[in-house]
Amino acid sequence: MKTALILDDLTEAQLWLSESLSIVFPGIVISRVSNLAEARAWLGANTAPDIALIDLGLPDGSGVGLIAELHRASPNTYCVVASIFDDDKHLFPALRAGAQGYLLKDQPQAQIIELLNGIAEGRPPLSPAVARKMLGFFQPAAEPGQKQLTERETEVLRCIAKGLTLPETAQMLGLSPHTVSGYVKEIYRKIDVSSRAEAALTAHNLGII
């Protein structure tokens, strides 16, 4: 990430989000705007940024519309919501508009930095509360024939989706490799996949990672 745009109407939030980005992506060039009009003017005069941190509750409207515009005009821009809102009416419209991450600004800065660090490893930056809400929303909507995962199966799926081997997963969860292997077979059956890649994609879609 070489360039960034931060859209937030609070100067204090702009500053600590800028600091967080600079820590994660040293040398990144950051531009800051305070409302949708300024953001659209900036985008009209500049090349689209590599990453955009976008607030939703702005003086002149919702950031969801800008996320959709950016997604259409510059699909390579990594759009991340940075908001205080974690309710369904803010979260899901933003994700449908094209947001690839959702950070809650009431988290400690160290957690925000840790989540942003995951981008380089292919992990979408999702605050834990947001991930839980997504999981709760999507799990009941499983495809016909799929069964809901148990808490332990969810933990195993999260580990293997992050790239951990079976022995590493077993060590992390305090289980035997044989037991983990059994869980993996059951997980694959329940979510109707046959490979680690498919399992990782399903875990991402369910908000598990």
C-alpha atoms as a PDB file:
ATOM      1  CA  MET A   1       0.000   0.000   0.000  1.00  0.00           C
ATOM      2  CA  LYS A   2       1.588   3.265  -1.170  1.00  0.00           C
ATOM      3  CA  THR A   3      -1.305   5.738  -1.015  1.00  0.00           C
ATOM      4  CA  ALA A   4      -4.296   6.123   1.283  1.00  0.00           C
ATOM      5  CA  LEU A   5      -7.390   8.255   1.683  1.00  0.00           C
ATOM      6  CA  ILE A   6      -9.009   8.761   5.077  1.00  0.00           C
ATOM      7  CA  LEU A   7     -12.567  10.064   5.166  1.00  0.00           C
ATOM      8  CA  ASP A   8     -13.628  11.072   8.674  1.00  0.00           C
ATOM      9  CA  ASP A   9     -15.247  14.229   9.985  1.00  0.00           C
ATOM     10  CA  LEU A  10     -13.280  14.167  13.259  1.00  0.00           C
ATOM     11  CA  THR A  11      -9.737  15.506  13.125  1.00  0.00           C
ATOM     12  CA  GLU A  12      -8.648  13.375  16.069  1.00  0.00           C
ATOM     13  CA  ALA A  13      -9.833  10.212  14.328  1.00  0.00           C
ATOM     14  CA  GLN A  14      -8.073  11.248  11.112  1.00  0.00           C
ATOM     15  CA  LEU A  15      -4.808  11.657  12.988  1.00  0.00           C
ATOM     16  CA  TRP A  16      -4.765   8.315  14.808  1.00  0.00           C
ATOM     17  CA  LEU A  17      -5.978   6.439  11.749  1.00  0.00           C
ATOM     18  CA  SER A  18      -3.161   8.113   9.778  1.00  0.00           C
ATOM     19  CA  GLU A  19      -0.682   7.077  12.445  1.00  0.00           C
ATOM     20  CA  SER A  20      -1.965   3.504  12.346  1.00  0.00           C
ATOM     21  CA  LEU A  21      -1.599   3.309   8.569  1.00  0.00           C
ATOM     22  CA  SER A  22       1.916   4.753   8.730  1.00  0.00           C
ATOM     23  CA  ILE A  23       2.937   2.098  11.249  1.00  0.00           C
ATOM     24  CA  VAL A  24       1.541  -0.737   9.154  1.00  0.00           C
ATOM     25  CA  PHE A  25       2.654   0.636   5.767  1.00  0.00           C
ATOM     26  CA  PRO A  26       5.841   2.706   6.298  1.00  0.00           C
ATOM     27  CA  GLY A  27       6.184   5.512   3.773  1.00  0.00           C
ATOM     28  CA  ILE A  28       2.528   5.489   2.746  1.00  0.00           C
ATOM     29  CA  VAL A  29       1.251   8.835   1.439  1.00  0.00           C
ATOM     30  CA  ILE A  30      -1.971   9.735   3.238  1.00  0.00           C
ATOM     31  CA  SER A  31      -4.637  12.265   2.271  1.00  0.00           C
ATOM     32  CA  ARG A  32      -7.396  13.261   4.689  1.00  0.00           C
ATOM     33  CA  VAL A  33     -10.875  14.639   3.971  1.00  0.00           C
ATOM     34  CA  SER A  34     -13.789  15.447   6.262  1.00  0.00           C
ATOM     35  CA  ASN A  35     -16.943  14.890   4.216  1.00  0.00           C
ATOM     36  CA  LEU A  36     -18.302  13.259   1.083  1.00  0.00           C
ATOM     37  CA  ALA A  37     -18.039  16.422  -1.025  1.00  0.00           C
ATOM     38  CA  GLU A  38     -14.346  16.780  -0.200  1.00  0.00           C
ATOM     39  CA  ALA A  39     -13.782  13.077  -0.851  1.00  0.00           C
ATOM     40  CA  ARG A  40     -15.400  13.194  -4.274  1.00  0.00           C
ATOM     41  CA  ALA A  41     -13.490  16.336  -5.183  1.00  0.00           C
ATOM     42  CA  TRP A  42     -10.229  14.704  -4.108  1.00  0.00           C
ATOM     43  CA  LEU A  43     -10.977  11.536  -6.081  1.00  0.00           C
ATOM     44  CA  GLY A  44     -11.838  13.616  -9.143  1.00  0.00           C
ATOM     45  CA  ALA A  45      -8.456  15.305  -9.017  1.00  0.00           C
ATOM     46  CA  ASN A  46      -6.221  12.401  -7.997  1.00  0.00           C
ATOM     47  CA  THR A  47      -5.466   8.795  -8.802  1.00  0.00           C
ATOM     48  CA  ALA A  48      -7.564   6.444  -6.701  1.00  0.00           C
ATOM     49  CA  PRO A  49      -5.733   5.383  -3.515  1.00  0.00           C
ATOM     50  CA  ASP A  50      -4.491   1.894  -2.763  1.00  0.00           C
ATOM     51  CA  ILE A  51      -6.500   1.871   0.478  1.00  0.00           C
ATOM     52  CA  ALA A  52      -9.363   3.990   1.773  1.00  0.00           C
ATOM     53  CA  LEU A  53     -10.574   4.187   5.369  1.00  0.00           C
ATOM     54  CA  ILE A  54     -14.141   5.469   5.229  1.00  0.00           C
ATOM     55  CA  ASP A  55     -16.440   6.576   8.035  1.00  0.00           C
ATOM     56  CA  LEU A  56     -20.159   6.008   7.548  1.00  0.00           C
ATOM     57  CA  GLY A  57     -21.857   8.745   9.572  1.00  0.00           C
ATOM     58  CA  LEU A  58     -20.763  11.944   7.824  1.00  0.00           C
ATOM     59  CA  PRO A  59     -22.156  15.498   7.873  1.00  0.00           C
ATOM     60  CA  ASP A  60     -23.365  15.268   4.263  1.00  0.00           C
ATOM     61  CA  GLY A  61     -24.495  11.639   4.093  1.00  0.00           C
ATOM     62  CA  SER A  62     -23.394   8.030   4.424  1.00  0.00           C
ATOM     63  CA  GLY A  63     -20.007   6.702   3.383  1.00  0.00           C
ATOM     64  CA  VAL A  64     -21.703   3.625   1.908  1.00  0.00           C
ATOM     65  CA  GLY A  65     -22.395   5.460  -1.335  1.00  0.00           C
ATOM     66  CA  LEU A  66     -18.756   6.444  -1.697  1.00  0.00           C
ATOM     67  CA  ILE A  67     -17.666   2.852  -1.085  1.00  0.00           C
ATOM     68  CA  ALA A  68     -19.928   1.729  -3.926  1.00  0.00           C
ATOM     69  CA  GLU A  69     -18.584   4.459  -6.217  1.00  0.00           C
ATOM     70  CA  LEU A  70     -14.982   3.544  -5.428  1.00  0.00           C
ATOM     71  CA  HIS A  71     -15.707  -0.154  -5.897  1.00  0.00           C
ATOM     72  CA  ARG A  72     -17.068   0.514  -9.392  1.00  0.00           C
ATOM     73  CA  ALA A  73     -14.468   3.074 -10.476  1.00  0.00           C
ATOM     74  CA  SER A  74     -11.407   1.552  -8.806  1.00  0.00           C
ATOM     75  CA  PRO A  75     -11.955  -2.099  -7.858  1.00  0.00           C
ATOM     76  CA  ASN A  76      -8.314  -2.384  -6.773  1.00  0.00           C
ATOM     77  CA  THR A  77      -8.792   0.182  -4.011  1.00  0.00           C
ATOM     78  CA  TYR A  78      -9.003  -1.647  -0.686  1.00  0.00           C
ATOM     79  CA  CYS A  79     -12.001  -0.073   1.042  1.00  0.00           C
ATOM     80  CA  VAL A  80     -12.232  -0.415   4.816  1.00  0.00           C
ATOM     81  CA  VAL A  81     -14.978   1.036   6.974  1.00  0.00           C
ATOM     82  CA  ALA A  82     -13.792   2.828  10.125  1.00  0.00           C
ATOM     83  CA  SER A  83     -16.893   3.539  12.162  1.00  0.00           C
ATOM     84  CA  ILE A  84     -18.475   3.499  15.605  1.00  0.00           C
ATOM     85  CA  PHE A  85     -21.548   1.733  14.221  1.00  0.00           C
ATOM     86  CA  ASP A  86     -21.757  -2.076  14.331  1.00  0.00           C
ATOM     87  CA  ASP A  87     -25.497  -2.539  13.764  1.00  0.00           C
ATOM     88  CA  ASP A  88     -26.950  -4.440  10.816  1.00  0.00           C
ATOM     89  CA  LYS A  89     -28.211  -1.337   8.998  1.00  0.00           C
ATOM     90  CA  HIS A  90     -24.662   0.019   8.740  1.00  0.00           C
ATOM     91  CA  LEU A  91     -22.594  -3.183   8.528  1.00  0.00           C
ATOM     92  CA  PHE A  92     -24.297  -5.148   5.779  1.00  0.00           C
ATOM     93  CA  PRO A  93     -24.993  -2.289   3.335  1.00  0.00           C
ATOM     94  CA  ALA A  94     -21.309  -1.327   3.582  1.00  0.00           C
ATOM     95  CA  LEU A  95     -20.191  -4.890   2.851  1.00  0.00           C
ATOM     96  CA  ARG A  96     -22.644  -5.197  -0.042  1.00  0.00           C
ATOM     97  CA  ALA A  97     -21.321  -1.900  -1.442  1.00  0.00           C
ATOM     98  CA  GLY A  98     -17.825  -3.381  -1.643  1.00  0.00           C
ATOM     99  CA  ALA A  99     -16.132  -2.799   1.721  1.00  0.00           C
ATOM    100  CA  GLN A 100     -13.380  -5.365   2.299  1.00  0.00           C
ATOM    101  CA  GLY A 101     -12.994  -4.677   5.995  1.00  0.00           C
ATOM    102  CA  TYR A 102     -14.867  -3.143   8.904  1.00  0.00           C
ATOM    103  CA  LEU A 103     -13.080  -1.588  11.886  1.00  0.00           C
ATOM    104  CA  LEU A 104     -14.739  -0.227  14.997  1.00  0.00           C
ATOM    105  CA  LYS A 105     -13.107   2.998  16.151  1.00  0.00           C
ATOM    106  CA  ASP A 106     -13.766   2.278  19.828  1.00  0.00           C
ATOM    107  CA  GLN A 107     -11.052  -0.413  19.731  1.00  0.00           C
ATOM    108  CA  PRO A 108      -7.574   0.322  21.098  1.00  0.00           C
ATOM    109  CA  GLN A 109      -5.208   1.566  18.407  1.00  0.00           C
ATOM    110  CA  ALA A 110      -2.975  -1.484  18.908  1.00  0.00           C
ATOM    111  CA  GLN A 111      -5.855  -3.745  17.830  1.00  0.00           C
ATOM    112  CA  ILE A 112      -6.575  -1.596  14.784  1.00  0.00           C
ATOM    113  CA  ILE A 113      -2.911  -1.835  13.794  1.00  0.00           C
ATOM    114  CA  GLU A 114      -2.939  -5.610  14.261  1.00  0.00           C
ATOM    115  CA  LEU A 115      -6.035  -5.963  12.069  1.00  0.00           C
ATOM    116  CA  LEU A 116      -4.576  -3.726   9.352  1.00  0.00           C
ATOM    117  CA  ASN A 117      -1.395  -5.813   9.420  1.00  0.00           C
ATOM    118  CA  GLY A 118      -3.472  -8.799   8.333  1.00  0.00           C
ATOM    119  CA  ILE A 119      -4.158  -7.242   4.928  1.00  0.00           C
ATOM    120  CA  ALA A 120      -0.706  -8.250   3.672  1.00  0.00           C
ATOM    121  CA  GLU A 121      -1.462 -11.835   4.702  1.00  0.00           C
ATOM    122  CA  GLY A 122      -4.827 -11.895   2.960  1.00  0.00           C
ATOM    123  CA  ARG A 123      -6.877 -11.524   6.155  1.00  0.00           C
ATOM    124  CA  PRO A 124      -9.716  -9.003   5.900  1.00  0.00           C
ATOM    125  CA  PRO A 125      -9.534  -6.457   8.745  1.00  0.00           C
ATOM    126  CA  LEU A 126     -12.683  -7.193  10.729  1.00  0.00           C
ATOM    127  CA  SER A 127     -13.146  -6.121  14.324  1.00  0.00           C
ATOM    128  CA  PRO A 128     -14.041  -9.145  16.488  1.00  0.00           C
ATOM    129  CA  ALA A 129     -17.527  -7.826  17.277  1.00  0.00           C
ATOM    130  CA  VAL A 130     -18.178  -7.400  13.555  1.00  0.00           C
ATOM    131  CA  ALA A 131     -16.908 -10.891  12.740  1.00  0.00           C
ATOM    132  CA  ARG A 132     -19.206 -12.368  15.400  1.00  0.00           C
ATOM    133  CA  LYS A 133     -22.176 -10.459  14.014  1.00  0.00           C
ATOM    134  CA  MET A 134     -21.417 -11.683  10.494  1.00  0.00           C
ATOM    135  CA  LEU A 135     -21.069 -15.242  11.731  1.00  0.00           C
ATOM    136  CA  GLY A 136     -24.367 -15.027  13.569  1.00  0.00           C
ATOM    137  CA  PHE A 137     -26.049 -13.650  10.455  1.00  0.00           C
ATOM    138  CA  PHE A 138     -24.707 -16.154   7.956  1.00  0.00           C
ATOM    139  CA  GLN A 139     -24.626 -19.425   9.861  1.00  0.00           C
ATOM    140  CA  PRO A 140     -28.409 -19.899   9.979  1.00  0.00           C
ATOM    141  CA  ALA A 141     -28.506 -19.162   6.263  1.00  0.00           C
ATOM    142  CA  ALA A 142     -26.432 -22.224   5.354  1.00  0.00           C
ATOM    143  CA  GLU A 143     -27.197 -23.974   2.105  1.00  0.00           C
ATOM    144  CA  PRO A 144     -29.810 -26.748   2.194  1.00  0.00           C
ATOM    145  CA  GLY A 145     -28.216 -29.921   3.494  1.00  0.00           C
ATOM    146  CA  GLN A 146     -25.480 -28.066   5.391  1.00  0.00           C
ATOM    147  CA  LYS A 147     -25.440 -28.366   9.167  1.00  0.00           C
ATOM    148  CA  GLN A 148     -24.375 -25.683  11.590  1.00  0.00           C
ATOM    149  CA  LEU A 149     -20.853 -26.009  12.956  1.00  0.00           C
ATOM    150  CA  THR A 150     -20.235 -26.543  16.649  1.00  0.00           C
ATOM    151  CA  GLU A 151     -18.077 -24.072  18.556  1.00  0.00           C
ATOM    152  CA  ARG A 152     -15.089 -26.450  18.442  1.00  0.00           C
ATOM    153  CA  GLU A 153     -15.551 -27.097  14.711  1.00  0.00           C
ATOM    154  CA  THR A 154     -15.640 -23.332  14.153  1.00  0.00           C
ATOM    155  CA  GLU A 155     -12.334 -22.983  16.023  1.00  0.00           C
ATOM    156  CA  VAL A 156     -10.743 -25.712  13.903  1.00  0.00           C
ATOM    157  CA  LEU A 157     -12.057 -24.163  10.676  1.00  0.00           C
ATOM    158  CA  ARG A 158     -10.691 -20.772  11.698  1.00  0.00           C
ATOM    159  CA  CYS A 159      -7.242 -22.276  12.265  1.00  0.00           C
ATOM    160  CA  ILE A 160      -7.007 -24.210   9.008  1.00  0.00           C
ATOM    161  CA  ALA A 161      -8.446 -21.271   7.064  1.00  0.00           C
ATOM    162  CA  LYS A 162      -5.592 -19.138   8.402  1.00  0.00           C
ATOM    163  CA  GLY A 163      -3.114 -21.646   6.984  1.00  0.00           C
ATOM    164  CA  LEU A 164      -2.219 -23.645  10.094  1.00  0.00           C
ATOM    165  CA  THR A 165      -1.319 -27.287   9.548  1.00  0.00           C
ATOM    166  CA  LEU A 166      -3.180 -30.038  11.379  1.00  0.00           C
ATOM    167  CA  PRO A 167      -0.364 -30.492  13.948  1.00  0.00           C
ATOM    168  CA  GLU A 168      -0.211 -26.705  14.503  1.00  0.00           C
ATOM    169  CA  THR A 169      -3.988 -26.582  14.913  1.00  0.00           C
ATOM    170  CA  ALA A 170      -3.861 -29.480  17.352  1.00  0.00           C
ATOM    171  CA  GLN A 171      -1.179 -27.767  19.428  1.00  0.00           C
ATOM    172  CA  MET A 172      -3.044 -24.448  19.488  1.00  0.00           C
ATOM    173  CA  LEU A 173      -6.323 -26.021  20.578  1.00  0.00           C
ATOM    174  CA  GLY A 174      -4.831 -28.605  22.937  1.00  0.00           C
ATOM    175  CA  LEU A 175      -6.054 -31.549  20.881  1.00  0.00           C
ATOM    176  CA  SER A 176      -4.436 -34.548  19.254  1.00  0.00           C
ATOM    177  CA  PRO A 177      -3.744 -34.416  15.488  1.00  0.00           C
ATOM    178  CA  HIS A 178      -6.023 -37.439  15.101  1.00  0.00           C
ATOM    179  CA  THR A 179      -8.885 -35.576  16.778  1.00  0.00           C
ATOM    180  CA  VAL A 180      -8.305 -32.495  14.624  1.00  0.00           C
ATOM    181  CA  SER A 181      -8.313 -34.664  11.506  1.00  0.00           C
ATOM    182  CA  GLY A 182     -11.691 -36.011  12.556  1.00  0.00           C
ATOM    183  CA  TYR A 183     -13.011 -32.501  13.049  1.00  0.00           C
ATOM    184  CA  VAL A 184     -11.767 -31.461   9.613  1.00  0.00           C
ATOM    185  CA  LYS A 185     -13.581 -34.356   7.932  1.00  0.00           C
ATOM    186  CA  GLU A 186     -16.792 -33.443   9.732  1.00  0.00           C
ATOM    187  CA  ILE A 187     -16.371 -29.749   8.858  1.00  0.00           C
ATOM    188  CA  TYR A 188     -15.827 -30.552   5.186  1.00  0.00           C
ATOM    189  CA  ARG A 189     -18.969 -32.695   5.217  1.00  0.00           C
ATOM    190  CA  LYS A 190     -21.082 -30.044   6.917  1.00  0.00           C
ATOM    191  CA  ILE A 191     -20.044 -27.121   4.701  1.00  0.00           C
ATOM    192  CA  ASP A 192     -19.858 -29.292   1.580  1.00  0.00           C
ATOM    193  CA  VAL A 193     -16.256 -28.624   0.538  1.00  0.00           C
ATOM    194  CA  SER A 194     -13.396 -30.911  -0.423  1.00  0.00           C
ATOM    195  CA  SER A 195     -10.251 -28.805  -0.072  1.00  0.00           C
ATOM    196  CA  ARG A 196      -8.521 -26.389   2.274  1.00  0.00           C
ATOM    197  CA  ALA A 197      -8.932 -23.562  -0.259  1.00  0.00           C
ATOM    198  CA  GLU A 198     -12.695 -24.082  -0.412  1.00  0.00           C
ATOM    199  CA  ALA A 199     -12.839 -24.292   3.376  1.00  0.00           C
ATOM    200  CA  ALA A 200     -10.917 -21.002   3.699  1.00  0.00           C
ATOM    201  CA  LEU A 201     -13.271 -19.284   1.253  1.00  0.00           C
ATOM    202  CA  THR A 202     -16.316 -20.550   3.131  1.00  0.00           C
ATOM    203  CA  ALA A 203     -14.792 -19.431   6.439  1.00  0.00           C
ATOM    204  CA  HIS A 204     -14.272 -15.960   4.972  1.00  0.00           C
ATOM    205  CA  ASN A 205     -17.849 -15.837   3.641  1.00  0.00           C
ATOM    206  CA  LEU A 206     -19.186 -16.850   7.056  1.00  0.00           C
ATOM    207  CA  GLY A 207     -17.124 -14.168   8.810  1.00  0.00           C
ATOM    208  CA  ILE A 208     -15.102 -16.738  10.741  1.00  0.00           C
ATOM    209  CA  ILE A 209     -11.837 -15.096   9.623  1.00  0.00           C
END
